[in-house]
Amino acid sequence: MSLSSATVAQLETLPGVGPVLAQHIVEYREEHGGFTSVDQLQEVNGIGDRRFADIKPKVSP
């Protein structure tokens, strides 16, 4: 799933991502002009090491 184009509803299908966290991802994307690296997901409020490890293999920038 592309972090730069996924909707809130699509992001909610990721492990450990609910509506609030999905909205944080979208807001980060809007503020920073998209994602150029999956690692940027770690900068989103609410993404810790464990959640990032679960999500990383399922997403692309």
PDB file of N, CA and C in Angstrom:
ATOM      1  N   MET A   1       0.851  -1.166   0.000  1.00  0.00           N
ATOM      2  CA  MET A   1       0.000   0.000   0.000  1.00  0.00           C
ATOM      3  C   MET A   1       0.901   1.236   0.000  1.00  0.00           C
ATOM      4  N   SER A   2       0.553   2.207  -0.798  1.00  0.00           N
ATOM      5  CA  SER A   2       1.352   3.428  -0.890  1.00  0.00           C
ATOM      6  C   SER A   2       0.959   4.417   0.206  1.00  0.00           C
ATOM      7  N   LEU A   3       1.940   4.806   1.008  1.00  0.00           N
ATOM      8  CA  LEU A   3       1.683   5.792   2.057  1.00  0.00           C
ATOM      9  C   LEU A   3       1.322   7.148   1.466  1.00  0.00           C
ATOM     10  N   SER A   4       1.757   7.409   0.255  1.00  0.00           N
ATOM     11  CA  SER A   4       1.529   8.713  -0.359  1.00  0.00           C
ATOM     12  C   SER A   4       0.150   8.845  -1.001  1.00  0.00           C
ATOM     13  N   SER A   5      -0.584   7.738  -1.138  1.00  0.00           N
ATOM     14  CA  SER A   5      -1.891   7.847  -1.778  1.00  0.00           C
ATOM     15  C   SER A   5      -3.018   7.123  -1.052  1.00  0.00           C
ATOM     16  N   ALA A   6      -2.713   6.340  -0.043  1.00  0.00           N
ATOM     17  CA  ALA A   6      -3.743   5.573   0.657  1.00  0.00           C
ATOM     18  C   ALA A   6      -4.718   6.492   1.395  1.00  0.00           C
ATOM     19  N   THR A   7      -5.973   6.078   1.404  1.00  0.00           N
ATOM     20  CA  THR A   7      -7.004   6.816   2.139  1.00  0.00           C
ATOM     21  C   THR A   7      -6.958   6.413   3.609  1.00  0.00           C
ATOM     22  N   VAL A   8      -7.664   7.162   4.436  1.00  0.00           N
ATOM     23  CA  VAL A   8      -7.758   6.825   5.854  1.00  0.00           C
ATOM     24  C   VAL A   8      -8.311   5.411   6.003  1.00  0.00           C
ATOM     25  N   ALA A   9      -9.352   5.090   5.252  1.00  0.00           N
ATOM     26  CA  ALA A   9      -9.969   3.760   5.339  1.00  0.00           C
ATOM     27  C   ALA A   9      -8.983   2.664   4.954  1.00  0.00           C
ATOM     28  N   GLN A  10      -8.182   2.902   3.930  1.00  0.00           N
ATOM     29  CA  GLN A  10      -7.187   1.906   3.520  1.00  0.00           C
ATOM     30  C   GLN A  10      -6.106   1.746   4.586  1.00  0.00           C
ATOM     31  N   LEU A  11      -5.660   2.852   5.155  1.00  0.00           N
ATOM     32  CA  LEU A  11      -4.627   2.798   6.190  1.00  0.00           C
ATOM     33  C   LEU A  11      -5.107   2.033   7.420  1.00  0.00           C
ATOM     34  N   GLU A  12      -6.402   2.114   7.709  1.00  0.00           N
ATOM     35  CA  GLU A  12      -6.958   1.411   8.864  1.00  0.00           C
ATOM     36  C   GLU A  12      -6.870  -0.099   8.733  1.00  0.00           C
ATOM     37  N   THR A  13      -6.628  -0.616   7.537  1.00  0.00           N
ATOM     38  CA  THR A  13      -6.507  -2.063   7.358  1.00  0.00           C
ATOM     39  C   THR A  13      -5.126  -2.572   7.769  1.00  0.00           C
ATOM     40  N   LEU A  14      -4.194  -1.656   8.014  1.00  0.00           N
ATOM     41  CA  LEU A  14      -2.853  -2.053   8.446  1.00  0.00           C
ATOM     42  C   LEU A  14      -2.879  -2.504   9.907  1.00  0.00           C
ATOM     43  N   PRO A  15      -1.980  -3.409  10.290  1.00  0.00           N
ATOM     44  CA  PRO A  15      -1.974  -3.903  11.675  1.00  0.00           C
ATOM     45  C   PRO A  15      -1.693  -2.793  12.687  1.00  0.00           C
ATOM     46  N   GLY A  16      -2.587  -2.678  13.670  1.00  0.00           N
ATOM     47  CA  GLY A  16      -2.407  -1.701  14.737  1.00  0.00           C
ATOM     48  C   GLY A  16      -2.787  -0.278  14.374  1.00  0.00           C
ATOM     49  N   VAL A  17      -3.368  -0.071  13.201  1.00  0.00           N
ATOM     50  CA  VAL A  17      -3.745   1.282  12.770  1.00  0.00           C
ATOM     51  C   VAL A  17      -5.250   1.439  12.839  1.00  0.00           C
ATOM     52  N   GLY A  18      -5.689   2.367  13.689  1.00  0.00           N
ATOM     53  CA  GLY A  18      -7.101   2.682  13.799  1.00  0.00           C
ATOM     54  C   GLY A  18      -7.372   4.024  13.147  1.00  0.00           C
ATOM     55  N   PRO A  19      -8.586   4.540  13.315  1.00  0.00           N
ATOM     56  CA  PRO A  19      -8.946   5.790  12.645  1.00  0.00           C
ATOM     57  C   PRO A  19      -8.091   6.988  13.042  1.00  0.00           C
ATOM     58  N   VAL A  20      -7.703   7.088  14.298  1.00  0.00           N
ATOM     59  CA  VAL A  20      -6.913   8.235  14.748  1.00  0.00           C
ATOM     60  C   VAL A  20      -5.509   8.186  14.155  1.00  0.00           C
ATOM     61  N   LEU A  21      -4.879   7.033  14.229  1.00  0.00           N
ATOM     62  CA  LEU A  21      -3.526   6.908  13.690  1.00  0.00           C
ATOM     63  C   LEU A  21      -3.529   7.067  12.169  1.00  0.00           C
ATOM     64  N   ALA A  22      -4.531   6.520  11.512  1.00  0.00           N
ATOM     65  CA  ALA A  22      -4.642   6.681  10.056  1.00  0.00           C
ATOM     66  C   ALA A  22      -4.729   8.163   9.697  1.00  0.00           C
ATOM     67  N   GLN A  23      -5.476   8.922  10.477  1.00  0.00           N
ATOM     68  CA  GLN A  23      -5.597  10.362  10.232  1.00  0.00           C
ATOM     69  C   GLN A  23      -4.263  11.060  10.469  1.00  0.00           C
ATOM     70  N   HIS A  24      -3.510  10.633  11.473  1.00  0.00           N
ATOM     71  CA  HIS A  24      -2.175  11.205  11.730  1.00  0.00           C
ATOM     72  C   HIS A  24      -1.255  10.974  10.534  1.00  0.00           C
ATOM     73  N   ILE A  25      -1.345   9.793   9.931  1.00  0.00           N
ATOM     74  CA  ILE A  25      -0.508   9.478   8.765  1.00  0.00           C
ATOM     75  C   ILE A  25      -0.868  10.401   7.612  1.00  0.00           C
ATOM     76  N   VAL A  26      -2.162  10.594   7.375  1.00  0.00           N
ATOM     77  CA  VAL A  26      -2.610  11.480   6.290  1.00  0.00           C
ATOM     78  C   VAL A  26      -2.176  12.915   6.564  1.00  0.00           C
ATOM     79  N   GLU A  27      -2.314  13.369   7.807  1.00  0.00           N
ATOM     80  CA  GLU A  27      -1.912  14.736   8.153  1.00  0.00           C
ATOM     81  C   GLU A  27      -0.409  14.921   7.964  1.00  0.00           C
ATOM     82  N   TYR A  28       0.381  13.931   8.358  1.00  0.00           N
ATOM     83  CA  TYR A  28       1.835  14.012   8.153  1.00  0.00           C
ATOM     84  C   TYR A  28       2.134  14.140   6.665  1.00  0.00           C
ATOM     85  N   ARG A  29       1.472  13.319   5.874  1.00  0.00           N
ATOM     86  CA  ARG A  29       1.664  13.336   4.421  1.00  0.00           C
ATOM     87  C   ARG A  29       1.328  14.707   3.843  1.00  0.00           C
ATOM     88  N   GLU A  30       0.232  15.298   4.292  1.00  0.00           N
ATOM     89  CA  GLU A  30      -0.178  16.610   3.788  1.00  0.00           C
ATOM     90  C   GLU A  30       0.803  17.702   4.206  1.00  0.00           C
ATOM     91  N   GLU A  31       1.322  17.612   5.425  1.00  0.00           N
ATOM     92  CA  GLU A  31       2.243  18.632   5.932  1.00  0.00           C
ATOM     93  C   GLU A  31       3.625  18.536   5.293  1.00  0.00           C
ATOM     94  N   HIS A  32       4.039  17.331   4.902  1.00  0.00           N
ATOM     95  CA  HIS A  32       5.390  17.121   4.402  1.00  0.00           C
ATOM     96  C   HIS A  32       5.454  16.804   2.911  1.00  0.00           C
ATOM     97  N   GLY A  33       4.329  16.908   2.227  1.00  0.00           N
ATOM     98  CA  GLY A  33       4.329  16.689   0.780  1.00  0.00           C
ATOM     99  C   GLY A  33       4.506  15.241   0.366  1.00  0.00           C
ATOM    100  N   GLY A  34       4.027  14.331   1.184  1.00  0.00           N
ATOM    101  CA  GLY A  34       4.105  12.913   0.848  1.00  0.00           C
ATOM    102  C   GLY A  34       5.246  12.221   1.570  1.00  0.00           C
ATOM    103  N   PHE A  35       5.401  10.958   1.260  1.00  0.00           N
ATOM    104  CA  PHE A  35       6.455  10.139   1.846  1.00  0.00           C
ATOM    105  C   PHE A  35       7.473   9.816   0.773  1.00  0.00           C
ATOM    106  N   THR A  36       8.748  10.018   1.069  1.00  0.00           N
ATOM    107  CA  THR A  36       9.805   9.627   0.134  1.00  0.00           C
ATOM    108  C   THR A  36      10.491   8.351   0.612  1.00  0.00           C
ATOM    109  N   SER A  37      10.194   7.950   1.853  1.00  0.00           N
ATOM    110  CA  SER A  37      10.783   6.745   2.433  1.00  0.00           C
ATOM    111  C   SER A  37       9.800   6.166   3.451  1.00  0.00           C
ATOM    112  N   VAL A  38       9.724   4.854   3.510  1.00  0.00           N
ATOM    113  CA  VAL A  38       8.872   4.204   4.507  1.00  0.00           C
ATOM    114  C   VAL A  38       9.345   4.562   5.915  1.00  0.00           C
ATOM    115  N   ASP A  39      10.647   4.786   6.081  1.00  0.00           N
ATOM    116  CA  ASP A  39      11.199   5.119   7.395  1.00  0.00           C
ATOM    117  C   ASP A  39      10.604   6.405   7.967  1.00  0.00           C
ATOM    118  N   GLN A  40      10.105   7.293   7.110  1.00  0.00           N
ATOM    119  CA  GLN A  40       9.479   8.523   7.603  1.00  0.00           C
ATOM    120  C   GLN A  40       8.246   8.226   8.452  1.00  0.00           C
ATOM    121  N   LEU A  41       7.683   7.058   8.289  1.00  0.00           N
ATOM    122  CA  LEU A  41       6.512   6.672   9.081  1.00  0.00           C
ATOM    123  C   LEU A  41       6.824   6.729  10.573  1.00  0.00           C
ATOM    124  N   GLN A  42       8.084   6.537  10.933  1.00  0.00           N
ATOM    125  CA  GLN A  42       8.479   6.587  12.342  1.00  0.00           C
ATOM    126  C   GLN A  42       8.338   7.993  12.925  1.00  0.00           C
ATOM    127  N   GLU A  43       8.244   8.996  12.078  1.00  0.00           N
ATOM    128  CA  GLU A  43       8.087  10.374  12.546  1.00  0.00           C
ATOM    129  C   GLU A  43       6.631  10.720  12.861  1.00  0.00           C
ATOM    130  N   VAL A  44       5.705   9.846  12.491  1.00  0.00           N
ATOM    131  CA  VAL A  44       4.287  10.091  12.728  1.00  0.00           C
ATOM    132  C   VAL A  44       3.970   9.813  14.188  1.00  0.00           C
ATOM    133  N   ASN A  45       3.243  10.730  14.818  1.00  0.00           N
ATOM    134  CA  ASN A  45       2.841  10.575  16.212  1.00  0.00           C
ATOM    135  C   ASN A  45       2.010   9.301  16.367  1.00  0.00           C
ATOM    136  N   GLY A  46       2.448   8.414  17.256  1.00  0.00           N
ATOM    137  CA  GLY A  46       1.711   7.184  17.505  1.00  0.00           C
ATOM    138  C   GLY A  46       2.341   5.949  16.875  1.00  0.00           C
ATOM    139  N   ILE A  47       3.392   6.138  16.081  1.00  0.00           N
ATOM    140  CA  ILE A  47       4.083   4.997  15.472  1.00  0.00           C
ATOM    141  C   ILE A  47       5.338   4.709  16.289  1.00  0.00           C
ATOM    142  N   GLY A  48       5.283   3.642  17.041  1.00  0.00           N
ATOM    143  CA  GLY A  48       6.450   3.218  17.811  1.00  0.00           C
ATOM    144  C   GLY A  48       7.213   2.146  17.058  1.00  0.00           C
ATOM    145  N   ASP A  49       8.265   1.646  17.681  1.00  0.00           N
ATOM    146  CA  ASP A  49       9.121   0.650  17.027  1.00  0.00           C
ATOM    147  C   ASP A  49       8.353  -0.616  16.655  1.00  0.00           C
ATOM    148  N   ARG A  50       7.547  -1.116  17.555  1.00  0.00           N
ATOM    149  CA  ARG A  50       6.824  -2.367  17.305  1.00  0.00           C
ATOM    150  C   ARG A  50       5.802  -2.182  16.188  1.00  0.00           C
ATOM    151  N   ARG A  51       5.044  -1.108  16.246  1.00  0.00           N
ATOM    152  CA  ARG A  51       4.025  -0.866  15.214  1.00  0.00           C
ATOM    153  C   ARG A  51       4.692  -0.638  13.856  1.00  0.00           C
ATOM    154  N   PHE A  52       5.796   0.089  13.855  1.00  0.00           N
ATOM    155  CA  PHE A  52       6.519   0.321  12.608  1.00  0.00           C
ATOM    156  C   PHE A  52       6.987  -1.002  12.009  1.00  0.00           C
ATOM    157  N   ALA A  53       7.501  -1.892  12.845  1.00  0.00           N
ATOM    158  CA  ALA A  53       7.981  -3.200  12.378  1.00  0.00           C
ATOM    159  C   ALA A  53       6.844  -4.007  11.765  1.00  0.00           C
ATOM    160  N   ASP A  54       5.639  -3.895  12.306  1.00  0.00           N
ATOM    161  CA  ASP A  54       4.482  -4.616  11.788  1.00  0.00           C
ATOM    162  C   ASP A  54       4.005  -4.033  10.451  1.00  0.00           C
ATOM    163  N   ILE A  55       4.086  -2.721  10.318  1.00  0.00           N
ATOM    164  CA  ILE A  55       3.557  -2.031   9.142  1.00  0.00           C
ATOM    165  C   ILE A  55       4.552  -2.016   7.986  1.00  0.00           C
ATOM    166  N   LYS A  56       5.828  -1.864   8.279  1.00  0.00           N
ATOM    167  CA  LYS A  56       6.857  -1.632   7.248  1.00  0.00           C
ATOM    168  C   LYS A  56       6.778  -2.578   6.055  1.00  0.00           C
ATOM    169  N   PRO A  57       6.629  -3.900   6.258  1.00  0.00           N
ATOM    170  CA  PRO A  57       6.621  -4.774   5.085  1.00  0.00           C
ATOM    171  C   PRO A  57       5.360  -4.670   4.226  1.00  0.00           C
ATOM    172  N   LYS A  58       4.361  -3.966   4.723  1.00  0.00           N
ATOM    173  CA  LYS A  58       3.083  -3.879   4.015  1.00  0.00           C
ATOM    174  C   LYS A  58       2.881  -2.560   3.255  1.00  0.00           C
ATOM    175  N   VAL A  59       3.855  -1.659   3.347  1.00  0.00           N
ATOM    176  CA  VAL A  59       3.690  -0.335   2.730  1.00  0.00           C
ATOM    177  C   VAL A  59       4.886   0.049   1.867  1.00  0.00           C
ATOM    178  N   SER A  60       4.659   1.027   1.013  1.00  0.00           N
ATOM    179  CA  SER A  60       5.713   1.638   0.210  1.00  0.00           C
ATOM    180  C   SER A  60       5.531   3.136   0.317  1.00  0.00           C
ATOM    181  N   PRO A  61       6.582   3.910  -0.038  1.00  0.00           N
ATOM    182  CA  PRO A  61       6.421   5.361   0.054  1.00  0.00           C
ATOM    183  C   PRO A  61       5.346   5.835  -0.901  1.00  0.00           C
TER     184      PRO A  61
END
